[in-house]
Amino acid sequence: MFARGYMYAFLLAFALVAVALISAHPSRGARTEARHVVRPGETLWTLAASHYAGDPREGVWRIQERNRLGSAPLQPGTVLYLPP
C-alpha cells in the first residue's frame, strides 16, 4: 500500500513534467538580431540612436561588441549586426 502511494506520486510528477514540456514555447516578445548595411554618412551614434531607446552610448557599445569594431569610421556597404 505504501509503494502504491509512491507510484501515484511518480505518475503525477511525470504527467506534470510532460504537460510542461509539451506546452512550452519560445517567447514571441523577444527581438531578434537585425542585419544592417551601412549607408554613406551613417555613424555608430546615429545607428544606436535610431535602433535603441535611451542613451545612445550603450547602443554604440553593444554594436561595437557584437561586430568586434574598433574606433575606425564605418565604411558604406559594411554589414553590421544589431543585437536586440
PDB file of N, CA and C in Angstrom:
ATOM      1  N   MET A   1       0.819  -1.192   0.000  1.00  0.00           N
ATOM      2  CA  MET A   1       0.000   0.000   0.000  1.00  0.00           C
ATOM      3  C   MET A   1       0.863   1.256   0.000  1.00  0.00           C
ATOM      4  N   PHE A   2       1.988   1.198   0.728  1.00  0.00           N
ATOM      5  CA  PHE A   2       2.872   2.341   0.798  1.00  0.00           C
ATOM      6  C   PHE A   2       3.532   2.593  -0.562  1.00  0.00           C
ATOM      7  N   ALA A   3       3.922   1.507  -1.238  1.00  0.00           N
ATOM      8  CA  ALA A   3       4.554   1.607  -2.551  1.00  0.00           C
ATOM      9  C   ALA A   3       3.565   2.142  -3.588  1.00  0.00           C
ATOM     10  N   ARG A   4       2.333   1.833  -3.388  1.00  0.00           N
ATOM     11  CA  ARG A   4       1.302   2.299  -4.313  1.00  0.00           C
ATOM     12  C   ARG A   4       1.209   3.824  -4.289  1.00  0.00           C
ATOM     13  N   GLY A   5       1.333   4.435  -3.113  1.00  0.00           N
ATOM     14  CA  GLY A   5       1.296   5.896  -2.990  1.00  0.00           C
ATOM     15  C   GLY A   5       2.459   6.546  -3.723  1.00  0.00           C
ATOM     16  N   TYR A   6       3.656   5.915  -3.619  1.00  0.00           N
ATOM     17  CA  TYR A   6       4.814   6.436  -4.335  1.00  0.00           C
ATOM     18  C   TYR A   6       4.622   6.324  -5.844  1.00  0.00           C
ATOM     19  N   MET A   7       4.010   5.254  -6.274  1.00  0.00           N
ATOM     20  CA  MET A   7       3.778   5.061  -7.692  1.00  0.00           C
ATOM     21  C   MET A   7       2.843   6.146  -8.230  1.00  0.00           C
ATOM     22  N   TYR A   8       1.769   6.457  -7.502  1.00  0.00           N
ATOM     23  CA  TYR A   8       0.843   7.510  -7.925  1.00  0.00           C
ATOM     24  C   TYR A   8       1.536   8.871  -7.924  1.00  0.00           C
ATOM     25  N   ALA A   9       2.373   9.137  -6.936  1.00  0.00           N
ATOM     26  CA  ALA A   9       3.100  10.404  -6.875  1.00  0.00           C
ATOM     27  C   ALA A   9       4.062  10.520  -8.060  1.00  0.00           C
ATOM     28  N   PHE A  10       4.751   9.415  -8.384  1.00  0.00           N
ATOM     29  CA  PHE A  10       5.662   9.414  -9.521  1.00  0.00           C
ATOM     30  C   PHE A  10       4.902   9.655 -10.820  1.00  0.00           C
ATOM     31  N   LEU A  11       3.783   8.979 -11.008  1.00  0.00           N
ATOM     32  CA  LEU A  11       2.992   9.151 -12.234  1.00  0.00           C
ATOM     33  C   LEU A  11       2.464  10.573 -12.350  1.00  0.00           C
ATOM     34  N   LEU A  12       2.032  11.153 -11.232  1.00  0.00           N
ATOM     35  CA  LEU A  12       1.549  12.532 -11.243  1.00  0.00           C
ATOM     36  C   LEU A  12       2.681  13.490 -11.609  1.00  0.00           C
ATOM     37  N   ALA A  13       3.859  13.300 -11.007  1.00  0.00           N
ATOM     38  CA  ALA A  13       5.008  14.153 -11.313  1.00  0.00           C
ATOM     39  C   ALA A  13       5.399  14.015 -12.780  1.00  0.00           C
ATOM     40  N   PHE A  14       5.415  12.785 -13.292  1.00  0.00           N
ATOM     41  CA  PHE A  14       5.746  12.550 -14.690  1.00  0.00           C
ATOM     42  C   PHE A  14       4.741  13.255 -15.605  1.00  0.00           C
ATOM     43  N   ALA A  15       3.471  13.158 -15.288  1.00  0.00           N
ATOM     44  CA  ALA A  15       2.431  13.795 -16.095  1.00  0.00           C
ATOM     45  C   ALA A  15       2.599  15.316 -16.088  1.00  0.00           C
ATOM     46  N   LEU A  16       2.920  15.896 -14.933  1.00  0.00           N
ATOM     47  CA  LEU A  16       3.103  17.345 -14.851  1.00  0.00           C
ATOM     48  C   LEU A  16       4.300  17.803 -15.683  1.00  0.00           C
ATOM     49  N   VAL A  17       5.392  17.060 -15.631  1.00  0.00           N
ATOM     50  CA  VAL A  17       6.564  17.401 -16.430  1.00  0.00           C
ATOM     51  C   VAL A  17       6.242  17.270 -17.914  1.00  0.00           C
ATOM     52  N   ALA A  18       5.538  16.230 -18.300  1.00  0.00           N
ATOM     53  CA  ALA A  18       5.173  16.028 -19.701  1.00  0.00           C
ATOM     54  C   ALA A  18       4.304  17.169 -20.209  1.00  0.00           C
ATOM     55  N   VAL A  19       3.336  17.590 -19.422  1.00  0.00           N
ATOM     56  CA  VAL A  19       2.470  18.701 -19.819  1.00  0.00           C
ATOM     57  C   VAL A  19       3.284  19.980 -19.947  1.00  0.00           C
ATOM     58  N   ALA A  20       4.206  20.228 -19.017  1.00  0.00           N
ATOM     59  CA  ALA A  20       5.036  21.430 -19.074  1.00  0.00           C
ATOM     60  C   ALA A  20       5.909  21.434 -20.323  1.00  0.00           C
ATOM     61  N   LEU A  21       6.470  20.300 -20.678  1.00  0.00           N
ATOM     62  CA  LEU A  21       7.316  20.236 -21.866  1.00  0.00           C
ATOM     63  C   LEU A  21       6.521  20.401 -23.152  1.00  0.00           C
ATOM     64  N   ILE A  22       5.347  19.857 -23.190  1.00  0.00           N
ATOM     65  CA  ILE A  22       4.510  19.969 -24.386  1.00  0.00           C
ATOM     66  C   ILE A  22       4.014  21.387 -24.587  1.00  0.00           C
ATOM     67  N   SER A  23       3.671  22.066 -23.494  1.00  0.00           N
ATOM     68  CA  SER A  23       3.090  23.402 -23.611  1.00  0.00           C
ATOM     69  C   SER A  23       4.137  24.504 -23.681  1.00  0.00           C
ATOM     70  N   ALA A  24       5.413  24.190 -23.478  1.00  0.00           N
ATOM     71  CA  ALA A  24       6.467  25.211 -23.539  1.00  0.00           C
ATOM     72  C   ALA A  24       6.651  25.663 -24.979  1.00  0.00           C
ATOM     73  N   HIS A  25       6.848  26.951 -25.166  1.00  0.00           N
ATOM     74  CA  HIS A  25       7.090  27.504 -26.490  1.00  0.00           C
ATOM     75  C   HIS A  25       8.014  28.709 -26.359  1.00  0.00           C
ATOM     76  N   PRO A  26       8.727  29.070 -27.413  1.00  0.00           N
ATOM     77  CA  PRO A  26       9.622  30.214 -27.335  1.00  0.00           C
ATOM     78  C   PRO A  26       8.832  31.513 -27.182  1.00  0.00           C
ATOM     79  N   SER A  27       9.459  32.482 -26.573  1.00  0.00           N
ATOM     80  CA  SER A  27       8.832  33.772 -26.366  1.00  0.00           C
ATOM     81  C   SER A  27       8.628  34.474 -27.698  1.00  0.00           C
ATOM     82  N   ARG A  28       7.475  35.012 -27.897  1.00  0.00           N
ATOM     83  CA  ARG A  28       7.209  35.757 -29.125  1.00  0.00           C
ATOM     84  C   ARG A  28       7.598  37.217 -28.972  1.00  0.00           C
ATOM     85  N   GLY A  29       7.834  37.653 -27.737  1.00  0.00           N
ATOM     86  CA  GLY A  29       8.166  39.046 -27.492  1.00  0.00           C
ATOM     87  C   GLY A  29       9.640  39.355 -27.640  1.00  0.00           C
ATOM     88  N   ALA A  30      10.474  38.336 -27.748  1.00  0.00           N
ATOM     89  CA  ALA A  30      11.910  38.567 -27.848  1.00  0.00           C
ATOM     90  C   ALA A  30      12.266  39.085 -29.237  1.00  0.00           C
ATOM     91  N   ARG A  31      13.059  40.151 -29.252  1.00  0.00           N
ATOM     92  CA  ARG A  31      13.517  40.693 -30.531  1.00  0.00           C
ATOM     93  C   ARG A  31      14.670  39.861 -31.049  1.00  0.00           C
ATOM     94  N   THR A  32      14.793  39.815 -32.343  1.00  0.00           N
ATOM     95  CA  THR A  32      15.899  39.095 -32.938  1.00  0.00           C
ATOM     96  C   THR A  32      16.945  40.091 -33.425  1.00  0.00           C
ATOM     97  N   GLU A  33      18.114  39.582 -33.670  1.00  0.00           N
ATOM     98  CA  GLU A  33      19.208  40.411 -34.142  1.00  0.00           C
ATOM     99  C   GLU A  33      18.901  40.908 -35.547  1.00  0.00           C
ATOM    100  N   ALA A  34      19.163  42.190 -35.798  1.00  0.00           N
ATOM    101  CA  ALA A  34      18.912  42.772 -37.116  1.00  0.00           C
ATOM    102  C   ALA A  34      20.222  42.867 -37.898  1.00  0.00           C
ATOM    103  N   ARG A  35      20.130  42.681 -39.183  1.00  0.00           N
ATOM    104  CA  ARG A  35      21.280  42.833 -40.084  1.00  0.00           C
ATOM    105  C   ARG A  35      21.124  44.186 -40.761  1.00  0.00           C
ATOM    106  N   HIS A  36      22.194  44.984 -40.774  1.00  0.00           N
ATOM    107  CA  HIS A  36      22.122  46.334 -41.325  1.00  0.00           C
ATOM    108  C   HIS A  36      23.315  46.592 -42.228  1.00  0.00           C
ATOM    109  N   VAL A  37      23.071  47.140 -43.420  1.00  0.00           N
ATOM    110  CA  VAL A  37      24.140  47.531 -44.337  1.00  0.00           C
ATOM    111  C   VAL A  37      24.345  49.031 -44.161  1.00  0.00           C
ATOM    112  N   VAL A  38      25.574  49.409 -43.835  1.00  0.00           N
ATOM    113  CA  VAL A  38      25.898  50.808 -43.566  1.00  0.00           C
ATOM    114  C   VAL A  38      25.757  51.634 -44.841  1.00  0.00           C
ATOM    115  N   ARG A  39      25.079  52.779 -44.702  1.00  0.00           N
ATOM    116  CA  ARG A  39      24.895  53.722 -45.807  1.00  0.00           C
ATOM    117  C   ARG A  39      25.856  54.896 -45.627  1.00  0.00           C
ATOM    118  N   PRO A  40      26.153  55.621 -46.691  1.00  0.00           N
ATOM    119  CA  PRO A  40      27.062  56.767 -46.573  1.00  0.00           C
ATOM    120  C   PRO A  40      26.555  57.769 -45.526  1.00  0.00           C
ATOM    121  N   GLY A  41      27.458  58.236 -44.691  1.00  0.00           N
ATOM    122  CA  GLY A  41      27.125  59.225 -43.673  1.00  0.00           C
ATOM    123  C   GLY A  41      26.664  58.644 -42.345  1.00  0.00           C
ATOM    124  N   GLU A  42      26.409  57.347 -42.278  1.00  0.00           N
ATOM    125  CA  GLU A  42      25.969  56.740 -41.019  1.00  0.00           C
ATOM    126  C   GLU A  42      27.148  56.557 -40.073  1.00  0.00           C
ATOM    127  N   THR A  43      26.865  56.730 -38.800  1.00  0.00           N
ATOM    128  CA  THR A  43      27.863  56.513 -37.757  1.00  0.00           C
ATOM    129  C   THR A  43      27.279  55.539 -36.739  1.00  0.00           C
ATOM    130  N   LEU A  44      28.126  55.035 -35.866  1.00  0.00           N
ATOM    131  CA  LEU A  44      27.628  54.172 -34.797  1.00  0.00           C
ATOM    132  C   LEU A  44      26.628  54.926 -33.935  1.00  0.00           C
ATOM    133  N   TRP A  45      26.877  56.203 -33.717  1.00  0.00           N
ATOM    134  CA  TRP A  45      25.985  57.014 -32.883  1.00  0.00           C
ATOM    135  C   TRP A  45      24.593  57.118 -33.518  1.00  0.00           C
ATOM    136  N   THR A  46      24.539  57.399 -34.827  1.00  0.00           N
ATOM    137  CA  THR A  46      23.220  57.535 -35.477  1.00  0.00           C
ATOM    138  C   THR A  46      22.485  56.195 -35.506  1.00  0.00           C
ATOM    139  N   LEU A  47      23.230  55.103 -35.721  1.00  0.00           N
ATOM    140  CA  LEU A  47      22.598  53.778 -35.698  1.00  0.00           C
ATOM    141  C   LEU A  47      22.056  53.466 -34.313  1.00  0.00           C
ATOM    142  N   ALA A  48      22.856  53.725 -33.286  1.00  0.00           N
ATOM    143  CA  ALA A  48      22.421  53.441 -31.914  1.00  0.00           C
ATOM    144  C   ALA A  48      21.219  54.300 -31.531  1.00  0.00           C
ATOM    145  N   ALA A  49      21.244  55.562 -31.911  1.00  0.00           N
ATOM    146  CA  ALA A  49      20.141  56.456 -31.565  1.00  0.00           C
ATOM    147  C   ALA A  49      18.835  56.044 -32.259  1.00  0.00           C
ATOM    148  N   SER A  50      18.945  55.496 -33.473  1.00  0.00           N
ATOM    149  CA  SER A  50      17.727  55.123 -34.197  1.00  0.00           C
ATOM    150  C   SER A  50      17.220  53.718 -33.858  1.00  0.00           C
ATOM    151  N   HIS A  51      18.067  52.856 -33.304  1.00  0.00           N
ATOM    152  CA  HIS A  51      17.651  51.476 -33.027  1.00  0.00           C
ATOM    153  C   HIS A  51      17.458  51.144 -31.559  1.00  0.00           C
ATOM    154  N   TYR A  52      17.964  51.989 -30.664  1.00  0.00           N
ATOM    155  CA  TYR A  52      17.874  51.695 -29.236  1.00  0.00           C
ATOM    156  C   TYR A  52      17.298  52.885 -28.494  1.00  0.00           C
ATOM    157  N   ALA A  53      16.473  52.598 -27.488  1.00  0.00           N
ATOM    158  CA  ALA A  53      15.887  53.657 -26.662  1.00  0.00           C
ATOM    159  C   ALA A  53      16.911  54.091 -25.613  1.00  0.00           C
ATOM    160  N   GLY A  54      16.783  55.301 -25.154  1.00  0.00           N
ATOM    161  CA  GLY A  54      17.653  55.777 -24.086  1.00  0.00           C
ATOM    162  C   GLY A  54      18.960  56.331 -24.605  1.00  0.00           C
ATOM    163  N   ASP A  55      19.970  56.264 -23.759  1.00  0.00           N
ATOM    164  CA  ASP A  55      21.292  56.813 -24.053  1.00  0.00           C
ATOM    165  C   ASP A  55      21.955  56.029 -25.193  1.00  0.00           C
ATOM    166  N   PRO A  56      22.310  56.706 -26.296  1.00  0.00           N
ATOM    167  CA  PRO A  56      22.928  56.003 -27.433  1.00  0.00           C
ATOM    168  C   PRO A  56      24.280  55.379 -27.118  1.00  0.00           C
ATOM    169  N   ARG A  57      24.962  55.821 -26.053  1.00  0.00           N
ATOM    170  CA  ARG A  57      26.276  55.268 -25.740  1.00  0.00           C
ATOM    171  C   ARG A  57      26.216  53.765 -25.482  1.00  0.00           C
ATOM    172  N   GLU A  58      25.160  53.321 -24.811  1.00  0.00           N
ATOM    173  CA  GLU A  58      25.023  51.876 -24.571  1.00  0.00           C
ATOM    174  C   GLU A  58      24.807  51.135 -25.888  1.00  0.00           C
ATOM    175  N   GLY A  59      24.008  51.709 -26.780  1.00  0.00           N
ATOM    176  CA  GLY A  59      23.793  51.103 -28.091  1.00  0.00           C
ATOM    177  C   GLY A  59      25.070  51.045 -28.912  1.00  0.00           C
ATOM    178  N   VAL A  60      25.871  52.100 -28.857  1.00  0.00           N
ATOM    179  CA  VAL A  60      27.160  52.114 -29.563  1.00  0.00           C
ATOM    180  C   VAL A  60      28.033  50.980 -29.052  1.00  0.00           C
ATOM    181  N   TRP A  61      28.094  50.834 -27.728  1.00  0.00           N
ATOM    182  CA  TRP A  61      28.912  49.780 -27.135  1.00  0.00           C
ATOM    183  C   TRP A  61      28.426  48.396 -27.571  1.00  0.00           C
ATOM    184  N   ARG A  62      27.099  48.194 -27.567  1.00  0.00           N
ATOM    185  CA  ARG A  62      26.548  46.892 -27.947  1.00  0.00           C
ATOM    186  C   ARG A  62      26.882  46.557 -29.405  1.00  0.00           C
ATOM    187  N   ILE A  63      26.761  47.547 -30.292  1.00  0.00           N
ATOM    188  CA  ILE A  63      27.073  47.328 -31.713  1.00  0.00           C
ATOM    189  C   ILE A  63      28.562  47.036 -31.881  1.00  0.00           C
ATOM    190  N   GLN A  64      29.413  47.804 -31.195  1.00  0.00           N
ATOM    191  CA  GLN A  64      30.855  47.577 -31.287  1.00  0.00           C
ATOM    192  C   GLN A  64      31.236  46.187 -30.797  1.00  0.00           C
ATOM    193  N   GLU A  65      30.677  45.781 -29.671  1.00  0.00           N
ATOM    194  CA  GLU A  65      30.998  44.464 -29.113  1.00  0.00           C
ATOM    195  C   GLU A  65      30.532  43.339 -30.028  1.00  0.00           C
ATOM    196  N   ARG A  66      29.314  43.442 -30.536  1.00  0.00           N
ATOM    197  CA  ARG A  66      28.755  42.375 -31.381  1.00  0.00           C
ATOM    198  C   ARG A  66      29.536  42.211 -32.672  1.00  0.00           C
ATOM    199  N   ASN A  67      29.998  43.346 -33.246  1.00  0.00           N
ATOM    200  CA  ASN A  67      30.666  43.313 -34.539  1.00  0.00           C
ATOM    201  C   ASN A  67      32.185  43.402 -34.441  1.00  0.00           C
ATOM    202  N   ARG A  68      32.691  43.403 -33.208  1.00  0.00           N
ATOM    203  CA  ARG A  68      34.137  43.481 -32.953  1.00  0.00           C
ATOM    204  C   ARG A  68      34.772  44.659 -33.688  1.00  0.00           C
ATOM    205  N   LEU A  69      34.179  45.828 -33.483  1.00  0.00           N
ATOM    206  CA  LEU A  69      34.658  47.034 -34.147  1.00  0.00           C
ATOM    207  C   LEU A  69      35.619  47.798 -33.255  1.00  0.00           C
ATOM    208  N   GLY A  70      36.535  48.473 -33.885  1.00  0.00           N
ATOM    209  CA  GLY A  70      37.441  49.363 -33.172  1.00  0.00           C
ATOM    210  C   GLY A  70      36.918  50.790 -33.270  1.00  0.00           C
ATOM    211  N   SER A  71      37.832  51.726 -33.336  1.00  0.00           N
ATOM    212  CA  SER A  71      37.429  53.133 -33.381  1.00  0.00           C
ATOM    213  C   SER A  71      37.427  53.694 -34.802  1.00  0.00           C
ATOM    214  N   ALA A  72      37.734  52.887 -35.798  1.00  0.00           N
ATOM    215  CA  ALA A  72      37.760  53.353 -37.182  1.00  0.00           C
ATOM    216  C   ALA A  72      36.344  53.718 -37.640  1.00  0.00           C
ATOM    217  N   PRO A  73      36.238  54.714 -38.528  1.00  0.00           N
ATOM    218  CA  PRO A  73      34.913  55.089 -39.052  1.00  0.00           C
ATOM    219  C   PRO A  73      34.282  53.936 -39.840  1.00  0.00           C
ATOM    220  N   LEU A  74      32.967  53.938 -39.868  1.00  0.00           N
ATOM    221  CA  LEU A  74      32.246  52.914 -40.636  1.00  0.00           C
ATOM    222  C   LEU A  74      32.396  53.181 -42.125  1.00  0.00           C
ATOM    223  N   GLN A  75      32.481  52.118 -42.879  1.00  0.00           N
ATOM    224  CA  GLN A  75      32.570  52.228 -44.333  1.00  0.00           C
ATOM    225  C   GLN A  75      31.230  51.839 -44.950  1.00  0.00           C
ATOM    226  N   PRO A  76      30.725  52.625 -45.904  1.00  0.00           N
ATOM    227  CA  PRO A  76      29.478  52.247 -46.573  1.00  0.00           C
ATOM    228  C   PRO A  76      29.589  50.850 -47.171  1.00  0.00           C
ATOM    229  N   GLY A  77      28.525  50.084 -47.027  1.00  0.00           N
ATOM    230  CA  GLY A  77      28.479  48.724 -47.534  1.00  0.00           C
ATOM    231  C   GLY A  77      28.853  47.674 -46.498  1.00  0.00           C
ATOM    232  N   THR A  78      29.403  48.111 -45.368  1.00  0.00           N
ATOM    233  CA  THR A  78      29.750  47.172 -44.301  1.00  0.00           C
ATOM    234  C   THR A  78      28.478  46.594 -43.708  1.00  0.00           C
ATOM    235  N   VAL A  79      28.459  45.292 -43.480  1.00  0.00           N
ATOM    236  CA  VAL A  79      27.307  44.637 -42.863  1.00  0.00           C
ATOM    237  C   VAL A  79      27.529  44.602 -41.357  1.00  0.00           C
ATOM    238  N   LEU A  80      26.580  45.156 -40.611  1.00  0.00           N
ATOM    239  CA  LEU A  80      26.625  45.139 -39.158  1.00  0.00           C
ATOM    240  C   LEU A  80      25.441  44.339 -38.633  1.00  0.00           C
ATOM    241  N   TYR A  81      25.646  43.711 -37.503  1.00  0.00           N
ATOM    242  CA  TYR A  81      24.573  43.013 -36.827  1.00  0.00           C
ATOM    243  C   TYR A  81      24.213  43.823 -35.581  1.00  0.00           C
ATOM    244  N   LEU A  82      22.940  44.184 -35.486  1.00  0.00           N
ATOM    245  CA  LEU A  82      22.458  44.997 -34.374  1.00  0.00           C
ATOM    246  C   LEU A  82      21.776  44.093 -33.369  1.00  0.00           C
ATOM    247  N   PRO A  83      22.414  43.890 -32.218  1.00  0.00           N
ATOM    248  CA  PRO A  83      21.828  42.993 -31.205  1.00  0.00           C
ATOM    249  C   PRO A  83      20.552  43.576 -30.629  1.00  0.00           C
ATOM    250  N   PRO A  84      19.676  42.705 -30.126  1.00  0.00           N
ATOM    251  CA  PRO A  84      18.426  43.203 -29.538  1.00  0.00           C
ATOM    252  C   PRO A  84      18.662  44.004 -28.274  1.00  0.00           C
TER     253      PRO A  84
END
